[in-house]
């Protein structure tokens, strides 16, 4: 037959594999992405079902990346477990179905009773107990009575796991401290913190009297 024999390229069969053989733990209310490395597949060739521990399916979005990989993203609602069933070209992806642990949703609360009074020119710390948060997840706004910022404000993680919100008030008065953790106001905030005068000392006697050898001498 004219034009034959034909040379017909044959592409690789469609496949999909989990990029991470051991999937990391999910966190409730936070988007979670399962990444697939794929060959000759389109998003519509992949079917994913994510089921929480109550048997309720969770919405999943499937996006293809420029490198050909695919992102399967969902948001677990509650602490517990979810099961991921993934089919590519009608066949289960190797390593699935897989069950993921879901940690509690991020949260923060005041640690104990906050110090009632700060002191001008002295560092003041507000302690927080946190769950699944990093210092950068906190948004802190500290202002004086006129609404002017007081700062800088530092958020640090202490060895015992608490977070410390530290600032130095410069003047006596009232400080307002707003703390947002993962987009939610920390319970018990904003705080109104009285600021006492800075520590000072002056000589009571501008001209000190003469001392006498062997006699006690007092400076007030």
Protein backbone atom coordinates (compact mmCIF):
# COMPACT_ATOMS: atom_id res chain seq x y z
CA UNK A 1 0.00 0.00 0.00
CA UNK A 2 1.37 3.40 -0.96
CA UNK A 3 2.78 5.19 2.07
CA UNK A 4 3.48 2.01 3.97
CA UNK A 5 5.10 0.65 5.99
CA UNK A 6 4.18 3.23 8.68
CA UNK A 7 6.28 4.12 11.68
CA UNK A 8 3.92 4.97 14.53
CA UNK A 9 5.38 6.31 17.79
CA UNK A 10 3.88 4.69 20.90
CA UNK A 11 3.87 6.78 24.07
CA UNK A 12 4.24 5.31 27.53
CA UNK A 13 1.11 3.90 29.13
CA UNK A 14 -0.74 6.26 31.48
CA UNK A 15 0.53 5.98 35.06
CA UNK A 16 0.36 7.88 38.34
CA UNK A 17 2.44 7.46 41.49
CA UNK A 18 2.47 9.16 44.85
CA UNK A 19 5.40 11.56 44.98
CA UNK A 20 5.70 11.12 48.78
CA UNK A 21 5.84 7.48 49.74
CA UNK A 22 5.04 8.48 53.33
CA UNK A 23 2.47 11.25 53.40
CA UNK A 24 2.80 13.92 56.11
CA UNK A 25 0.14 14.43 58.76
CA UNK A 26 -2.78 16.73 57.95
CA UNK A 27 -4.12 19.53 60.15
CA UNK A 28 -7.84 20.17 60.59
CA UNK A 29 -9.18 23.25 58.70
CA UNK A 30 -5.94 23.61 56.70
CA UNK A 31 -5.64 22.75 52.99
CA UNK A 32 -3.79 19.47 52.39
CA UNK A 33 -2.26 18.46 49.05
CA UNK A 34 -1.42 15.00 47.79
CA UNK A 35 0.99 15.26 44.86
CA UNK A 36 0.99 12.73 42.03
CA UNK A 37 3.70 12.20 39.43
CA UNK A 38 1.82 11.31 36.24
CA UNK A 39 2.54 10.13 32.70
CA UNK A 40 0.09 10.74 29.84
CA UNK A 41 -2.80 11.63 32.12
CA UNK A 42 -5.18 14.58 32.24
CA UNK A 43 -7.00 15.75 35.38
CA UNK A 44 -10.22 14.16 34.16
CA UNK A 45 -8.41 10.79 34.06
CA UNK A 46 -7.87 10.95 37.82
CA UNK A 47 -10.63 10.24 40.32
CA UNK A 48 -10.14 10.94 44.00
CA UNK A 49 -12.42 10.30 46.94
CA UNK A 50 -11.47 11.64 50.37
CA UNK A 51 -13.64 10.32 53.20
CA UNK A 52 -13.47 11.51 56.82
CA UNK A 53 -13.88 9.22 59.82
CA UNK A 54 -17.63 9.87 59.85
CA UNK A 55 -17.91 8.53 56.32
CA UNK A 56 -18.52 11.98 54.84
CA UNK A 57 -16.78 12.70 51.49
CA UNK A 58 -14.72 15.90 51.36
CA UNK A 59 -14.52 18.13 48.26
CA UNK A 60 -11.32 17.60 46.25
CA UNK A 61 -9.75 19.81 43.59
CA UNK A 62 -7.37 18.31 41.01
CA UNK A 63 -4.88 20.60 39.31
CA UNK A 64 -2.22 19.74 36.74
CA UNK A 65 1.12 21.51 37.13
CA UNK A 66 3.45 22.63 34.32
CA UNK A 67 5.81 19.73 35.08
CA UNK A 68 2.98 17.24 34.48
CA UNK A 69 2.44 16.41 38.14
CA UNK A 70 -0.99 16.80 39.72
CA UNK A 71 -2.11 18.30 43.01
CA UNK A 72 -5.08 16.77 44.81
CA UNK A 73 -6.16 19.29 47.46
CA UNK A 74 -8.78 19.01 50.18
CA UNK A 75 -9.50 20.50 53.60
CA UNK A 76 -10.08 18.10 56.52
CA UNK A 77 -12.71 19.51 58.86
CA UNK A 78 -11.98 17.75 62.14
CA UNK A 79 -9.27 15.98 64.08
CA UNK A 80 -9.11 12.24 63.44
CA UNK A 81 -8.45 10.35 60.23
CA UNK A 82 -9.30 10.60 56.52
CA UNK A 83 -9.09 7.92 53.85
CA UNK A 84 -7.89 8.78 50.34
CA UNK A 85 -8.92 6.55 47.42
CA UNK A 86 -7.24 7.59 44.15
CA UNK A 87 -7.80 6.06 40.70
CA UNK A 88 -5.76 6.93 37.62
CA UNK A 89 -7.07 5.75 34.24
CA UNK A 90 -9.51 3.54 36.16
CA UNK A 91 -6.81 1.80 38.22
CA UNK A 92 -5.83 2.36 41.88
CA UNK A 93 -2.70 4.45 42.30
CA UNK A 94 0.04 2.39 43.92
CA UNK A 95 0.09 3.00 47.68
CA UNK A 96 -3.61 3.85 47.83
CA UNK A 97 -6.05 3.79 49.43
CA UNK A 98 -4.16 5.52 52.22
CA UNK A 99 -5.31 6.67 55.66
CA UNK A 100 -4.04 10.00 56.98
CA UNK A 101 -3.96 11.24 60.55
CA UNK A 102 -5.50 14.68 61.06
CA UNK A 103 -4.19 16.81 63.91
CA UNK A 104 -6.37 19.31 65.82
CA UNK A 105 -7.09 22.63 64.15
CA UNK A 106 -4.68 25.47 64.99
CA UNK A 107 -5.62 27.40 68.11
CA UNK A 108 -4.18 29.63 70.83
CA UNK A 109 -5.26 30.69 74.29
CA UNK A 110 -3.80 32.79 77.08
CA UNK A 111 -1.44 30.84 79.33
CA UNK A 112 -2.65 31.25 82.89
CA UNK A 113 -3.57 34.73 84.10
CA UNK A 114 -1.77 37.51 82.22
CA UNK A 115 0.35 39.87 84.30
CA UNK A 116 -1.94 42.70 85.40
CA UNK A 117 0.58 45.51 85.09
CA UNK A 118 3.49 46.28 82.81
CA UNK A 119 6.33 48.70 83.64
CA UNK A 120 7.53 51.43 81.31
CA UNK A 121 10.94 50.70 79.69
CA UNK A 122 10.79 47.05 80.84
CA UNK A 123 10.05 44.08 78.53
CA UNK A 124 6.53 42.74 79.04
CA UNK A 125 5.56 39.21 77.98
CA UNK A 126 2.13 37.75 77.22
CA UNK A 127 2.24 33.94 77.29
CA UNK A 128 0.10 31.77 75.00
CA UNK A 129 -0.65 28.06 74.86
CA UNK A 130 -0.82 27.05 71.19
CA UNK A 131 -1.79 24.04 69.06
CA UNK A 132 -0.31 23.47 65.58
CA UNK A 133 0.87 27.05 65.17
CA UNK A 134 4.16 28.67 64.28
CA UNK A 135 5.19 32.11 65.58
CA UNK A 136 4.58 33.57 62.13
CA UNK A 137 0.93 32.44 62.32
CA UNK A 138 0.28 35.07 65.01
CA UNK A 139 -0.65 38.64 64.16
CA UNK A 140 -0.13 41.03 67.06
CA UNK A 141 -1.08 44.68 67.33
CA UNK A 142 0.01 46.60 70.43
CA UNK A 143 -1.07 50.25 70.74
CA UNK A 144 -1.11 52.96 73.39
CA UNK A 145 -4.11 55.01 74.55
CA UNK A 146 -3.87 57.24 71.47
CA UNK A 147 -3.79 54.28 69.08
CA UNK A 148 -0.10 54.69 68.28
CA UNK A 149 1.86 51.46 67.76
CA UNK A 150 4.03 50.22 70.60
CA UNK A 151 6.94 48.18 69.37
CA UNK A 152 8.73 46.38 68.10
CA UNK A 153 6.72 43.30 69.06
CA UNK A 154 8.45 39.90 68.99
CA UNK A 155 6.78 36.48 69.05
CA UNK A 156 9.05 33.69 70.25
CA UNK A 157 8.61 30.01 71.05
CA UNK A 158 9.77 29.12 74.55
CA UNK A 159 11.40 25.80 75.55
CA UNK A 160 8.18 24.71 77.32
CA UNK A 161 6.23 25.10 74.06
CA UNK A 162 4.42 28.31 74.99
CA UNK A 163 4.65 31.37 72.76
CA UNK A 164 5.77 34.68 74.21
CA UNK A 165 4.52 37.99 72.83
CA UNK A 166 7.12 40.50 74.02
CA UNK A 167 7.15 44.29 73.77
CA UNK A 168 8.57 47.24 75.73
CA UNK A 169 6.14 50.04 76.68
CA UNK A 170 7.86 53.41 76.82
CA UNK A 171 5.36 55.47 78.81
CA UNK A 172 2.90 54.89 81.67
CA UNK A 173 -0.76 54.54 80.71
CA UNK A 174 -2.87 51.80 79.13
CA UNK A 175 -1.69 49.36 76.46
CA UNK A 176 -4.11 47.57 74.13
CA UNK A 177 -2.92 44.20 72.82
CA UNK A 178 -4.80 42.44 69.99
CA UNK A 179 -3.65 38.90 69.15
CA UNK A 180 -4.91 36.97 66.11
CA UNK A 181 -3.97 33.28 65.73
CA UNK A 182 -4.49 31.74 62.29
CA UNK A 183 -7.04 34.44 61.50
CA UNK A 184 -9.04 34.02 64.74
CA UNK A 185 -8.85 36.37 67.78
CA UNK A 186 -7.30 34.65 70.79
CA UNK A 187 -9.93 34.12 73.48
CA UNK A 188 -9.63 36.75 76.22
CA UNK A 189 -8.14 39.35 73.89
CA UNK A 190 -7.81 42.21 73.23
CA UNK A 191 -6.07 42.88 76.54
CA UNK A 192 -5.96 46.23 78.33
CA UNK A 193 -2.70 46.37 80.26
CA UNK A 194 -1.92 49.20 82.70
CA UNK A 195 1.65 50.46 82.43
CA UNK A 196 3.33 51.71 85.60
CA UNK A 197 5.99 54.43 85.66
CA UNK A 198 9.51 53.37 84.81
CA UNK A 199 11.77 52.52 87.77
CA UNK A 200 13.67 55.58 89.06
CA UNK A 201 15.80 56.56 92.06
CA UNK A 202 17.00 59.98 93.29
CA UNK A 203 19.06 61.09 96.22
CA UNK A 204 16.79 62.47 98.92
CA UNK A 205 19.52 64.80 100.16
CA UNK A 206 20.96 66.92 97.38
CA UNK A 207 23.96 67.65 99.60
CA UNK A 208 25.05 64.64 101.63
CA UNK A 209 26.22 65.25 105.21
CA UNK A 210 29.71 64.38 106.30
CA UNK A 211 30.30 60.85 107.49
CA UNK A 212 32.07 59.93 110.74
CA UNK A 213 34.58 57.10 110.97
CA UNK A 214 33.28 53.99 112.75
CA UNK A 215 29.70 55.34 112.69
CA UNK A 216 26.93 53.93 110.49
CA UNK A 217 26.09 56.22 107.59
CA UNK A 218 22.85 56.09 105.60
CA UNK A 219 22.15 57.44 102.13
CA UNK A 220 18.47 57.84 101.34
